[in-house]
Amino acid sequence: KPRIKAFLGRPGTLWFLFLFNGAAAAVMYFAMSGLDRYIGSG
């Protein structure tokens, strides 16, 4: 959708998504176990 696409293309939004999801992936990798660890962090 145009409004969502414009929001997701803003540099501030992209930086937030990059940093937050990268940190969440690292935390998920160390906090979870089994297949959930790899799927979630991946």
Full PDB file with SEQRES, HELIX, SHEET, SSBOND, CRYST1, ORIGX, SCALE, CONECT and MASTER records, all heavy atoms in Angstrom:
SEQRES   1 A   42  LYS PRO ARG ILE LYS ALA PHE LEU GLY ARG PRO GLY THR          
SEQRES   2 A   42  LEU TRP PHE LEU PHE LEU PHE ASN GLY ALA ALA ALA ALA          
SEQRES   3 A   42  VAL MET TYR PHE ALA MET SER GLY LEU ASP ARG TYR ILE          
SEQRES   4 A   42  GLY SER GLY                                                  
HELIX    1 AA1 PRO A    2  LEU A    8  1                                   7    
HELIX    2 AA2 PRO A   11  ALA A   31  1                                  21    
HELIX    3 AA3 GLY A   34  SER A   41  1                                   8    
CRYST1    1.000    1.000    1.000  90.00  90.00  90.00 P 1           1          
ORIGX1      1.000000  0.000000  0.000000        0.00000                         
ORIGX2      0.000000  1.000000  0.000000        0.00000                         
ORIGX3      0.000000  0.000000  1.000000        0.00000                         
SCALE1      1.000000  0.000000  0.000000        0.00000                         
SCALE2      0.000000  1.000000  0.000000        0.00000                         
SCALE3      0.000000  0.000000  1.000000        0.00000                         
ATOM      1  N   LYS A   1       0.858  -1.187   0.000  1.00  0.00           N  
ATOM      2  CA  LYS A   1       0.000   0.000   0.000  1.00  0.00           C  
ATOM      3  C   LYS A   1       0.896   1.240   0.000  1.00  0.00           C  
ATOM      4  O   LYS A   1       1.937   1.274   0.654  1.00  0.00           O  
ATOM      5  CB  LYS A   1      -0.915  -0.027   1.210  1.00  0.00           C  
ATOM      6  CG  LYS A   1      -1.777  -1.275   1.252  1.00  0.00           C  
ATOM      7  CD  LYS A   1      -3.170  -0.936   1.587  1.00  0.00           C  
ATOM      8  CE  LYS A   1      -4.030  -2.167   1.530  1.00  0.00           C  
ATOM      9  NZ  LYS A   1      -4.879  -2.163   0.386  1.00  0.00           N  
ATOM     10  N   PRO A   2       0.516   2.292  -0.750  1.00  0.00           N  
ATOM     11  CA  PRO A   2       1.403   3.448  -0.931  1.00  0.00           C  
ATOM     12  C   PRO A   2       1.852   4.127   0.362  1.00  0.00           C  
ATOM     13  O   PRO A   2       3.024   4.466   0.505  1.00  0.00           O  
ATOM     14  CB  PRO A   2       0.579   4.405  -1.791  1.00  0.00           C  
ATOM     15  CG  PRO A   2      -0.444   3.564  -2.451  1.00  0.00           C  
ATOM     16  CD  PRO A   2      -0.699   2.404  -1.546  1.00  0.00           C  
ATOM     17  N   ARG A   3       0.950   4.321   1.309  1.00  0.00           N  
ATOM     18  CA  ARG A   3       1.332   5.021   2.544  1.00  0.00           C  
ATOM     19  C   ARG A   3       2.273   4.175   3.386  1.00  0.00           C  
ATOM     20  O   ARG A   3       3.230   4.686   3.973  1.00  0.00           O  
ATOM     21  CB  ARG A   3       0.091   5.395   3.339  1.00  0.00           C  
ATOM     22  CG  ARG A   3      -0.745   6.448   2.624  1.00  0.00           C  
ATOM     23  CD  ARG A   3      -1.998   6.778   3.363  1.00  0.00           C  
ATOM     24  NE  ARG A   3      -1.663   7.552   4.553  1.00  0.00           N  
ATOM     25  CZ  ARG A   3      -2.540   7.858   5.485  1.00  0.00           C  
ATOM     26  NH1 ARG A   3      -3.781   7.463   5.389  1.00  0.00           N  
ATOM     27  NH2 ARG A   3      -2.170   8.570   6.527  1.00  0.00           N  
ATOM     28  N   ILE A   4       2.028   2.877   3.448  1.00  0.00           N  
ATOM     29  CA  ILE A   4       2.899   1.981   4.218  1.00  0.00           C  
ATOM     30  C   ILE A   4       4.252   1.856   3.523  1.00  0.00           C  
ATOM     31  O   ILE A   4       5.306   1.869   4.162  1.00  0.00           O  
ATOM     32  CB  ILE A   4       2.247   0.598   4.395  1.00  0.00           C  
ATOM     33  CG1 ILE A   4       0.903   0.702   5.114  1.00  0.00           C  
ATOM     34  CG2 ILE A   4       3.167  -0.358   5.112  1.00  0.00           C  
ATOM     35  CD1 ILE A   4       0.982   1.179   6.534  1.00  0.00           C  
ATOM     36  N   LYS A   5       4.228   1.768   2.201  1.00  0.00           N  
ATOM     37  CA  LYS A   5       5.464   1.659   1.432  1.00  0.00           C  
ATOM     38  C   LYS A   5       6.336   2.899   1.627  1.00  0.00           C  
ATOM     39  O   LYS A   5       7.559   2.790   1.783  1.00  0.00           O  
ATOM     40  CB  LYS A   5       5.127   1.462  -0.043  1.00  0.00           C  
ATOM     41  CG  LYS A   5       6.270   1.023  -0.883  1.00  0.00           C  
ATOM     42  CD  LYS A   5       5.790   0.677  -2.274  1.00  0.00           C  
ATOM     43  CE  LYS A   5       6.886   0.084  -3.100  1.00  0.00           C  
ATOM     44  NZ  LYS A   5       6.441  -0.312  -4.416  1.00  0.00           N  
ATOM     45  N   ALA A   6       5.711   4.067   1.640  1.00  0.00           N  
ATOM     46  CA  ALA A   6       6.465   5.304   1.859  1.00  0.00           C  
ATOM     47  C   ALA A   6       7.058   5.339   3.267  1.00  0.00           C  
ATOM     48  O   ALA A   6       8.205   5.754   3.463  1.00  0.00           O  
ATOM     49  CB  ALA A   6       5.564   6.514   1.632  1.00  0.00           C  
ATOM     50  N   PHE A   7       6.291   4.876   4.253  1.00  0.00           N  
ATOM     51  CA  PHE A   7       6.782   4.843   5.632  1.00  0.00           C  
ATOM     52  C   PHE A   7       7.948   3.878   5.773  1.00  0.00           C  
ATOM     53  O   PHE A   7       8.953   4.194   6.416  1.00  0.00           O  
ATOM     54  CB  PHE A   7       5.642   4.460   6.586  1.00  0.00           C  
ATOM     55  CG  PHE A   7       6.092   4.241   7.996  1.00  0.00           C  
ATOM     56  CD1 PHE A   7       6.464   5.315   8.787  1.00  0.00           C  
ATOM     57  CD2 PHE A   7       6.161   2.970   8.526  1.00  0.00           C  
ATOM     58  CE1 PHE A   7       6.888   5.116  10.086  1.00  0.00           C  
ATOM     59  CE2 PHE A   7       6.584   2.761   9.816  1.00  0.00           C  
ATOM     60  CZ  PHE A   7       6.951   3.839  10.612  1.00  0.00           C  
ATOM     61  N   LEU A   8       7.830   2.710   5.167  1.00  0.00           N  
ATOM     62  CA  LEU A   8       8.889   1.708   5.285  1.00  0.00           C  
ATOM     63  C   LEU A   8      10.142   2.095   4.507  1.00  0.00           C  
ATOM     64  O   LEU A   8      11.220   1.554   4.756  1.00  0.00           O  
ATOM     65  CB  LEU A   8       8.388   0.349   4.792  1.00  0.00           C  
ATOM     66  CG  LEU A   8       7.347  -0.324   5.683  1.00  0.00           C  
ATOM     67  CD1 LEU A   8       6.821  -1.580   5.016  1.00  0.00           C  
ATOM     68  CD2 LEU A   8       7.912  -0.627   7.048  1.00  0.00           C  
ATOM     69  N   GLY A   9      10.032   3.029   3.567  1.00  0.00           N  
ATOM     70  CA  GLY A   9      11.185   3.453   2.789  1.00  0.00           C  
ATOM     71  C   GLY A   9      11.952   4.614   3.397  1.00  0.00           C  
ATOM     72  O   GLY A   9      13.013   4.989   2.890  1.00  0.00           O  
ATOM     73  N   ARG A  10      11.438   5.186   4.490  1.00  0.00           N  
ATOM     74  CA  ARG A  10      12.140   6.303   5.129  1.00  0.00           C  
ATOM     75  C   ARG A  10      13.412   5.814   5.809  1.00  0.00           C  
ATOM     76  O   ARG A  10      13.443   4.723   6.393  1.00  0.00           O  
ATOM     77  CB  ARG A  10      11.233   6.960   6.170  1.00  0.00           C  
ATOM     78  CG  ARG A  10      10.078   7.690   5.555  1.00  0.00           C  
ATOM     79  CD  ARG A  10       9.126   8.291   6.558  1.00  0.00           C  
ATOM     80  NE  ARG A  10       9.811   8.789   7.737  1.00  0.00           N  
ATOM     81  CZ  ARG A  10       9.233   8.880   8.923  1.00  0.00           C  
ATOM     82  NH1 ARG A  10       7.996   8.504   9.095  1.00  0.00           N  
ATOM     83  NH2 ARG A  10       9.903   9.339   9.957  1.00  0.00           N  
ATOM     84  N   PRO A  11      14.483   6.598   5.753  1.00  0.00           N  
ATOM     85  CA  PRO A  11      15.745   6.161   6.360  1.00  0.00           C  
ATOM     86  C   PRO A  11      15.640   5.872   7.862  1.00  0.00           C  
ATOM     87  O   PRO A  11      16.220   4.906   8.346  1.00  0.00           O  
ATOM     88  CB  PRO A  11      16.702   7.328   6.100  1.00  0.00           C  
ATOM     89  CG  PRO A  11      16.142   8.024   4.923  1.00  0.00           C  
ATOM     90  CD  PRO A  11      14.661   7.846   4.994  1.00  0.00           C  
ATOM     91  N   GLY A  12      14.893   6.676   8.591  1.00  0.00           N  
ATOM     92  CA  GLY A  12      14.743   6.437  10.027  1.00  0.00           C  
ATOM     93  C   GLY A  12      14.070   5.104  10.316  1.00  0.00           C  
ATOM     94  O   GLY A  12      14.469   4.370  11.235  1.00  0.00           O  
ATOM     95  N   THR A  13      13.061   4.775   9.541  1.00  0.00           N  
ATOM     96  CA  THR A  13      12.369   3.497   9.712  1.00  0.00           C  
ATOM     97  C   THR A  13      13.304   2.345   9.366  1.00  0.00           C  
ATOM     98  O   THR A  13      13.338   1.333  10.070  1.00  0.00           O  
ATOM     99  CB  THR A  13      11.115   3.448   8.821  1.00  0.00           C  
ATOM    100  OG1 THR A  13      10.299   4.576   9.092  1.00  0.00           O  
ATOM    101  CG2 THR A  13      10.330   2.189   9.047  1.00  0.00           C  
ATOM    102  N   LEU A  14      14.060   2.492   8.297  1.00  0.00           N  
ATOM    103  CA  LEU A  14      14.985   1.427   7.899  1.00  0.00           C  
ATOM    104  C   LEU A  14      16.082   1.215   8.940  1.00  0.00           C  
ATOM    105  O   LEU A  14      16.464   0.078   9.228  1.00  0.00           O  
ATOM    106  CB  LEU A  14      15.585   1.743   6.529  1.00  0.00           C  
ATOM    107  CG  LEU A  14      14.619   1.634   5.357  1.00  0.00           C  
ATOM    108  CD1 LEU A  14      15.272   2.158   4.086  1.00  0.00           C  
ATOM    109  CD2 LEU A  14      14.161   0.201   5.169  1.00  0.00           C  
ATOM    110  N   TRP A  15      16.603   2.304   9.510  1.00  0.00           N  
ATOM    111  CA  TRP A  15      17.617   2.167  10.558  1.00  0.00           C  
ATOM    112  C   TRP A  15      17.034   1.451  11.775  1.00  0.00           C  
ATOM    113  O   TRP A  15      17.689   0.587  12.366  1.00  0.00           O  
ATOM    114  CB  TRP A  15      18.175   3.524  10.971  1.00  0.00           C  
ATOM    115  CG  TRP A  15      19.322   3.959  10.118  1.00  0.00           C  
ATOM    116  CD1 TRP A  15      19.339   4.951   9.193  1.00  0.00           C  
ATOM    117  CD2 TRP A  15      20.631   3.387  10.088  1.00  0.00           C  
ATOM    118  NE1 TRP A  15      20.568   5.026   8.592  1.00  0.00           N  
ATOM    119  CE2 TRP A  15      21.378   4.091   9.132  1.00  0.00           C  
ATOM    120  CE3 TRP A  15      21.238   2.348  10.786  1.00  0.00           C  
ATOM    121  CZ2 TRP A  15      22.707   3.776   8.859  1.00  0.00           C  
ATOM    122  CZ3 TRP A  15      22.561   2.049  10.503  1.00  0.00           C  
ATOM    123  CH2 TRP A  15      23.279   2.765   9.545  1.00  0.00           C  
ATOM    124  N   PHE A  16      15.808   1.829  12.164  1.00  0.00           N  
ATOM    125  CA  PHE A  16      15.173   1.167  13.297  1.00  0.00           C  
ATOM    126  C   PHE A  16      14.999  -0.323  13.019  1.00  0.00           C  
ATOM    127  O   PHE A  16      15.321  -1.161  13.866  1.00  0.00           O  
ATOM    128  CB  PHE A  16      13.817   1.803  13.608  1.00  0.00           C  
ATOM    129  CG  PHE A  16      13.041   1.042  14.642  1.00  0.00           C  
ATOM    130  CD1 PHE A  16      13.372   1.146  15.971  1.00  0.00           C  
ATOM    131  CD2 PHE A  16      12.004   0.198  14.275  1.00  0.00           C  
ATOM    132  CE1 PHE A  16      12.676   0.426  16.940  1.00  0.00           C  
ATOM    133  CE2 PHE A  16      11.307  -0.528  15.222  1.00  0.00           C  
ATOM    134  CZ  PHE A  16      11.641  -0.405  16.558  1.00  0.00           C  
ATOM    135  N   LEU A  17      14.477  -0.671  11.835  1.00  0.00           N  
ATOM    136  CA  LEU A  17      14.274  -2.073  11.500  1.00  0.00           C  
ATOM    137  C   LEU A  17      15.591  -2.843  11.479  1.00  0.00           C  
ATOM    138  O   LEU A  17      15.666  -3.978  11.950  1.00  0.00           O  
ATOM    139  CB  LEU A  17      13.574  -2.202  10.147  1.00  0.00           C  
ATOM    140  CG  LEU A  17      12.104  -1.808  10.111  1.00  0.00           C  
ATOM    141  CD1 LEU A  17      11.597  -1.791   8.683  1.00  0.00           C  
ATOM    142  CD2 LEU A  17      11.283  -2.740  10.968  1.00  0.00           C  
ATOM    143  N   PHE A  18      16.634  -2.225  10.946  1.00  0.00           N  
ATOM    144  CA  PHE A  18      17.938  -2.878  10.877  1.00  0.00           C  
ATOM    145  C   PHE A  18      18.485  -3.156  12.283  1.00  0.00           C  
ATOM    146  O   PHE A  18      18.844  -4.289  12.606  1.00  0.00           O  
ATOM    147  CB  PHE A  18      18.915  -2.014  10.083  1.00  0.00           C  
ATOM    148  CG  PHE A  18      20.337  -2.476  10.160  1.00  0.00           C  
ATOM    149  CD1 PHE A  18      20.706  -3.714   9.686  1.00  0.00           C  
ATOM    150  CD2 PHE A  18      21.309  -1.663  10.718  1.00  0.00           C  
ATOM    151  CE1 PHE A  18      22.030  -4.151   9.762  1.00  0.00           C  
ATOM    152  CE2 PHE A  18      22.622  -2.087  10.796  1.00  0.00           C  
ATOM    153  CZ  PHE A  18      22.978  -3.334  10.324  1.00  0.00           C  
ATOM    154  N   LEU A  19      18.502  -2.139  13.129  1.00  0.00           N  
ATOM    155  CA  LEU A  19      19.095  -2.298  14.459  1.00  0.00           C  
ATOM    156  C   LEU A  19      18.239  -3.166  15.382  1.00  0.00           C  
ATOM    157  O   LEU A  19      18.744  -4.061  16.063  1.00  0.00           O  
ATOM    158  CB  LEU A  19      19.332  -0.918  15.085  1.00  0.00           C  
ATOM    159  CG  LEU A  19      20.354  -0.047  14.363  1.00  0.00           C  
ATOM    160  CD1 LEU A  19      20.380   1.347  14.954  1.00  0.00           C  
ATOM    161  CD2 LEU A  19      21.729  -0.684  14.405  1.00  0.00           C  
ATOM    162  N   PHE A  20      16.933  -2.898  15.419  1.00  0.00           N  
ATOM    163  CA  PHE A  20      16.053  -3.640  16.312  1.00  0.00           C  
ATOM    164  C   PHE A  20      15.989  -5.119  15.944  1.00  0.00           C  
ATOM    165  O   PHE A  20      16.116  -5.990  16.811  1.00  0.00           O  
ATOM    166  CB  PHE A  20      14.639  -3.034  16.300  1.00  0.00           C  
ATOM    167  CG  PHE A  20      13.678  -3.754  17.186  1.00  0.00           C  
ATOM    168  CD1 PHE A  20      13.681  -3.520  18.544  1.00  0.00           C  
ATOM    169  CD2 PHE A  20      12.792  -4.676  16.665  1.00  0.00           C  
ATOM    170  CE1 PHE A  20      12.807  -4.196  19.381  1.00  0.00           C  
ATOM    171  CE2 PHE A  20      11.912  -5.352  17.490  1.00  0.00           C  
ATOM    172  CZ  PHE A  20      11.917  -5.113  18.850  1.00  0.00           C  
ATOM    173  N   ASN A  21      15.806  -5.419  14.675  1.00  0.00           N  
ATOM    174  CA  ASN A  21      15.687  -6.815  14.265  1.00  0.00           C  
ATOM    175  C   ASN A  21      17.022  -7.545  14.340  1.00  0.00           C  
ATOM    176  O   ASN A  21      17.056  -8.745  14.613  1.00  0.00           O  
ATOM    177  CB  ASN A  21      15.088  -6.912  12.864  1.00  0.00           C  
ATOM    178  CG  ASN A  21      13.612  -6.584  12.892  1.00  0.00           C  
ATOM    179  OD1 ASN A  21      12.842  -7.221  13.580  1.00  0.00           O  
ATOM    180  ND2 ASN A  21      13.219  -5.564  12.153  1.00  0.00           N  
ATOM    181  N   GLY A  22      18.119  -6.827  14.119  1.00  0.00           N  
ATOM    182  CA  GLY A  22      19.432  -7.449  14.297  1.00  0.00           C  
ATOM    183  C   GLY A  22      19.675  -7.810  15.755  1.00  0.00           C  
ATOM    184  O   GLY A  22      20.163  -8.908  16.064  1.00  0.00           O  
ATOM    185  N   ALA A  23      19.314  -6.899  16.662  1.00  0.00           N  
ATOM    186  CA  ALA A  23      19.464  -7.192  18.095  1.00  0.00           C  
ATOM    187  C   ALA A  23      18.515  -8.312  18.518  1.00  0.00           C  
ATOM    188  O   ALA A  23      18.893  -9.199  19.296  1.00  0.00           O  
ATOM    189  CB  ALA A  23      19.196  -5.927  18.910  1.00  0.00           C  
ATOM    190  N   ALA A  24      17.281  -8.288  18.004  1.00  0.00           N  
ATOM    191  CA  ALA A  24      16.323  -9.343  18.344  1.00  0.00           C  
ATOM    192  C   ALA A  24      16.806 -10.700  17.836  1.00  0.00           C  
ATOM    193  O   ALA A  24      16.631 -11.718  18.517  1.00  0.00           O  
ATOM    194  CB  ALA A  24      14.953  -9.012  17.766  1.00  0.00           C  
ATOM    195  N   ALA A  25      17.413 -10.734  16.664  1.00  0.00           N  
ATOM    196  CA  ALA A  25      17.941 -11.995  16.132  1.00  0.00           C  
ATOM    197  C   ALA A  25      19.041 -12.541  17.031  1.00  0.00           C  
ATOM    198  O   ALA A  25      19.082 -13.747  17.311  1.00  0.00           O  
ATOM    199  CB  ALA A  25      18.465 -11.797  14.711  1.00  0.00           C  
ATOM    200  N   ALA A  26      19.920 -11.660  17.503  1.00  0.00           N  
ATOM    201  CA  ALA A  26      21.006 -12.108  18.385  1.00  0.00           C  
ATOM    202  C   ALA A  26      20.454 -12.620  19.715  1.00  0.00           C  
ATOM    203  O   ALA A  26      20.880 -13.680  20.207  1.00  0.00           O  
ATOM    204  CB  ALA A  26      21.987 -10.961  18.619  1.00  0.00           C  
ATOM    205  N   VAL A  27      19.494 -11.914  20.272  1.00  0.00           N  
ATOM    206  CA  VAL A  27      18.901 -12.338  21.545  1.00  0.00           C  
ATOM    207  C   VAL A  27      18.160 -13.659  21.373  1.00  0.00           C  
ATOM    208  O   VAL A  27      18.269 -14.565  22.216  1.00  0.00           O  
ATOM    209  CB  VAL A  27      17.965 -11.237  22.100  1.00  0.00           C  
ATOM    210  CG1 VAL A  27      17.122 -11.751  23.241  1.00  0.00           C  
ATOM    211  CG2 VAL A  27      18.772 -10.028  22.542  1.00  0.00           C  
ATOM    212  N   MET A  28      17.415 -13.791  20.278  1.00  0.00           N  
ATOM    213  CA  MET A  28      16.678 -15.037  20.039  1.00  0.00           C  
ATOM    214  C   MET A  28      17.628 -16.219  19.876  1.00  0.00           C  
ATOM    215  O   MET A  28      17.326 -17.330  20.335  1.00  0.00           O  
ATOM    216  CB  MET A  28      15.791 -14.895  18.802  1.00  0.00           C  
ATOM    217  CG  MET A  28      14.608 -13.997  19.008  1.00  0.00           C  
ATOM    218  SD  MET A  28      13.711 -13.710  17.486  1.00  0.00           S  
ATOM    219  CE  MET A  28      12.714 -15.183  17.431  1.00  0.00           C  
ATOM    220  N   TYR A  29      18.740 -16.003  19.236  1.00  0.00           N  
ATOM    221  CA  TYR A  29      19.687 -17.093  19.027  1.00  0.00           C  
ATOM    222  C   TYR A  29      20.213 -17.626  20.363  1.00  0.00           C  
ATOM    223  O   TYR A  29      20.365 -18.825  20.542  1.00  0.00           O  
ATOM    224  CB  TYR A  29      20.846 -16.639  18.146  1.00  0.00           C  
ATOM    225  CG  TYR A  29      21.824 -17.738  17.861  1.00  0.00           C  
ATOM    226  CD1 TYR A  29      21.541 -18.706  16.902  1.00  0.00           C  
ATOM    227  CD2 TYR A  29      23.009 -17.849  18.569  1.00  0.00           C  
ATOM    228  CE1 TYR A  29      22.422 -19.742  16.645  1.00  0.00           C  
ATOM    229  CE2 TYR A  29      23.898 -18.877  18.327  1.00  0.00           C  
ATOM    230  CZ  TYR A  29      23.597 -19.814  17.361  1.00  0.00           C  
ATOM    231  OH  TYR A  29      24.468 -20.844  17.121  1.00  0.00           O  
ATOM    232  N   PHE A  30      20.495 -16.725  21.299  1.00  0.00           N  
ATOM    233  CA  PHE A  30      21.054 -17.158  22.574  1.00  0.00           C  
ATOM    234  C   PHE A  30      19.988 -17.533  23.597  1.00  0.00           C  
ATOM    235  O   PHE A  30      20.250 -18.302  24.515  1.00  0.00           O  
ATOM    236  CB  PHE A  30      21.975 -16.077  23.145  1.00  0.00           C  
ATOM    237  CG  PHE A  30      23.220 -15.909  22.337  1.00  0.00           C  
ATOM    238  CD1 PHE A  30      23.430 -14.767  21.598  1.00  0.00           C  
ATOM    239  CD2 PHE A  30      24.179 -16.910  22.285  1.00  0.00           C  
ATOM    240  CE1 PHE A  30      24.581 -14.606  20.826  1.00  0.00           C  
ATOM    241  CE2 PHE A  30      25.330 -16.769  21.524  1.00  0.00           C  
ATOM    242  CZ  PHE A  30      25.525 -15.616  20.801  1.00  0.00           C  
ATOM    243  N   ALA A  31      18.765 -17.018  23.459  1.00  0.00           N  
ATOM    244  CA  ALA A  31      17.727 -17.269  24.458  1.00  0.00           C  
ATOM    245  C   ALA A  31      16.881 -18.501  24.147  1.00  0.00           C  
ATOM    246  O   ALA A  31      16.267 -19.061  25.051  1.00  0.00           O  
ATOM    247  CB  ALA A  31      16.819 -16.049  24.579  1.00  0.00           C  
ATOM    248  N   MET A  32      16.819 -18.914  22.904  1.00  0.00           N  
ATOM    249  CA  MET A  32      15.954 -20.034  22.524  1.00  0.00           C  
ATOM    250  C   MET A  32      16.786 -21.289  22.292  1.00  0.00           C  
ATOM    251  O   MET A  32      18.017 -21.231  22.266  1.00  0.00           O  
ATOM    252  CB  MET A  32      15.170 -19.667  21.262  1.00  0.00           C  
ATOM    253  CG  MET A  32      14.274 -18.462  21.446  1.00  0.00           C  
ATOM    254  SD  MET A  32      13.524 -17.902  19.924  1.00  0.00           S  
ATOM    255  CE  MET A  32      12.086 -18.935  19.900  1.00  0.00           C  
ATOM    256  N   SER A  33      16.087 -22.403  22.116  1.00  0.00           N  
ATOM    257  CA  SER A  33      16.793 -23.652  21.847  1.00  0.00           C  
ATOM    258  C   SER A  33      16.059 -24.422  20.758  1.00  0.00           C  
ATOM    259  O   SER A  33      14.917 -24.126  20.431  1.00  0.00           O  
ATOM    260  CB  SER A  33      16.875 -24.503  23.115  1.00  0.00           C  
ATOM    261  OG  SER A  33      15.571 -24.868  23.529  1.00  0.00           O  
ATOM    262  N   GLY A  34      16.741 -25.388  20.217  1.00  0.00           N  
ATOM    263  CA  GLY A  34      16.130 -26.242  19.209  1.00  0.00           C  
ATOM    264  C   GLY A  34      15.933 -25.538  17.878  1.00  0.00           C  
ATOM    265  O   GLY A  34      16.642 -24.592  17.520  1.00  0.00           O  
ATOM    266  N   LEU A  35      14.946 -26.028  17.142  1.00  0.00           N  
ATOM    267  CA  LEU A  35      14.650 -25.490  15.822  1.00  0.00           C  
ATOM    268  C   LEU A  35      14.135 -24.055  15.890  1.00  0.00           C  
ATOM    269  O   LEU A  35      14.404 -23.251  14.998  1.00  0.00           O  
ATOM    270  CB  LEU A  35      13.616 -26.385  15.122  1.00  0.00           C  
ATOM    271  CG  LEU A  35      13.285 -26.082  13.678  1.00  0.00           C  
ATOM    272  CD1 LEU A  35      14.537 -26.194  12.818  1.00  0.00           C  
ATOM    273  CD2 LEU A  35      12.222 -27.032  13.171  1.00  0.00           C  
ATOM    274  N   ASP A  36      13.438 -23.715  16.982  1.00  0.00           N  
ATOM    275  CA  ASP A  36      12.929 -22.346  17.151  1.00  0.00           C  
ATOM    276  C   ASP A  36      14.064 -21.324  17.147  1.00  0.00           C  
ATOM    277  O   ASP A  36      13.897 -20.209  16.663  1.00  0.00           O  
ATOM    278  CB  ASP A  36      12.140 -22.220  18.455  1.00  0.00           C  
ATOM    279  CG  ASP A  36      10.845 -23.003  18.442  1.00  0.00           C  
ATOM    280  OD1 ASP A  36      10.384 -23.339  17.332  1.00  0.00           O  
ATOM    281  OD2 ASP A  36      10.302 -23.264  19.526  1.00  0.00           O  
ATOM    282  N   ARG A  37      15.200 -21.701  17.695  1.00  0.00           N  
ATOM    283  CA  ARG A  37      16.348 -20.801  17.730  1.00  0.00           C  
ATOM    284  C   ARG A  37      16.763 -20.388  16.322  1.00  0.00           C  
ATOM    285  O   ARG A  37      16.949 -19.214  16.032  1.00  0.00           O  
ATOM    286  CB  ARG A  37      17.511 -21.499  18.413  1.00  0.00           C  
ATOM    287  CG  ARG A  37      18.861 -20.846  18.130  1.00  0.00           C  
ATOM    288  CD  ARG A  37      20.002 -21.701  18.559  1.00  0.00           C  
ATOM    289  NE  ARG A  37      20.213 -21.496  19.981  1.00  0.00           N  
ATOM    290  CZ  ARG A  37      21.182 -22.056  20.675  1.00  0.00           C  
ATOM    291  NH1 ARG A  37      22.013 -22.900  20.103  1.00  0.00           N  
ATOM    292  NH2 ARG A  37      21.320 -21.817  21.942  1.00  0.00           N  
ATOM    293  N   TYR A  38      16.872 -21.366  15.445  1.00  0.00           N  
ATOM    294  CA  TYR A  38      17.355 -21.090  14.099  1.00  0.00           C  
ATOM    295  C   TYR A  38      16.308 -20.410  13.230  1.00  0.00           C  
ATOM    296  O   TYR A  38      16.633 -19.501  12.461  1.00  0.00           O  
ATOM    297  CB  TYR A  38      17.856 -22.383  13.448  1.00  0.00           C  
ATOM    298  CG  TYR A  38      18.960 -23.021  14.249  1.00  0.00           C  
ATOM    299  CD1 TYR A  38      18.756 -24.224  14.909  1.00  0.00           C  
ATOM    300  CD2 TYR A  38      20.191 -22.396  14.375  1.00  0.00           C  
ATOM    301  CE1 TYR A  38      19.756 -24.793  15.659  1.00  0.00           C  
ATOM    302  CE2 TYR A  38      21.197 -22.961  15.128  1.00  0.00           C  
ATOM    303  CZ  TYR A  38      20.981 -24.152  15.770  1.00  0.00           C  
ATOM    304  OH  TYR A  38      21.979 -24.707  16.522  1.00  0.00           O  
ATOM    305  N   ILE A  39      15.077 -20.828  13.351  1.00  0.00           N  
ATOM    306  CA  ILE A  39      14.017 -20.216  12.548  1.00  0.00           C  
ATOM    307  C   ILE A  39      13.766 -18.791  12.998  1.00  0.00           C  
ATOM    308  O   ILE A  39      13.714 -17.861  12.184  1.00  0.00           O  
ATOM    309  CB  ILE A  39      12.725 -21.064  12.601  1.00  0.00           C  
ATOM    310  CG1 ILE A  39      12.946 -22.364  11.845  1.00  0.00           C  
ATOM    311  CG2 ILE A  39      11.550 -20.296  12.015  1.00  0.00           C  
ATOM    312  CD1 ILE A  39      11.791 -23.326  11.910  1.00  0.00           C  
ATOM    313  N   GLY A  40      13.628 -18.584  14.301  1.00  0.00           N  
ATOM    314  CA  GLY A  40      13.352 -17.236  14.816  1.00  0.00           C  
ATOM    315  C   GLY A  40      14.473 -16.253  14.542  1.00  0.00           C  
ATOM    316  O   GLY A  40      14.255 -15.160  14.014  1.00  0.00           O  
ATOM    317  N   SER A  41      15.691 -16.651  14.885  1.00  0.00           N  
ATOM    318  CA  SER A  41      16.816 -15.729  14.678  1.00  0.00           C  
ATOM    319  C   SER A  41      17.106 -15.551  13.191  1.00  0.00           C  
ATOM    320  O   SER A  41      17.488 -14.463  12.755  1.00  0.00           O  
ATOM    321  CB  SER A  41      18.059 -16.215  15.415  1.00  0.00           C  
ATOM    322  OG  SER A  41      18.476 -17.461  14.919  1.00  0.00           O  
ATOM    323  N   GLY A  42      16.881 -16.581  12.406  1.00  0.00           N  
ATOM    324  CA  GLY A  42      17.098 -16.461  10.959  1.00  0.00           C  
ATOM    325  C   GLY A  42      16.115 -15.499  10.312  1.00  0.00           C  
ATOM    326  O   GLY A  42      16.496 -14.672   9.483  1.00  0.00           O  
TER     327      GLY A  42                                                      
MASTER        0    0    0    3    0    0    0    6  326    1    0    4          
END                                                                             
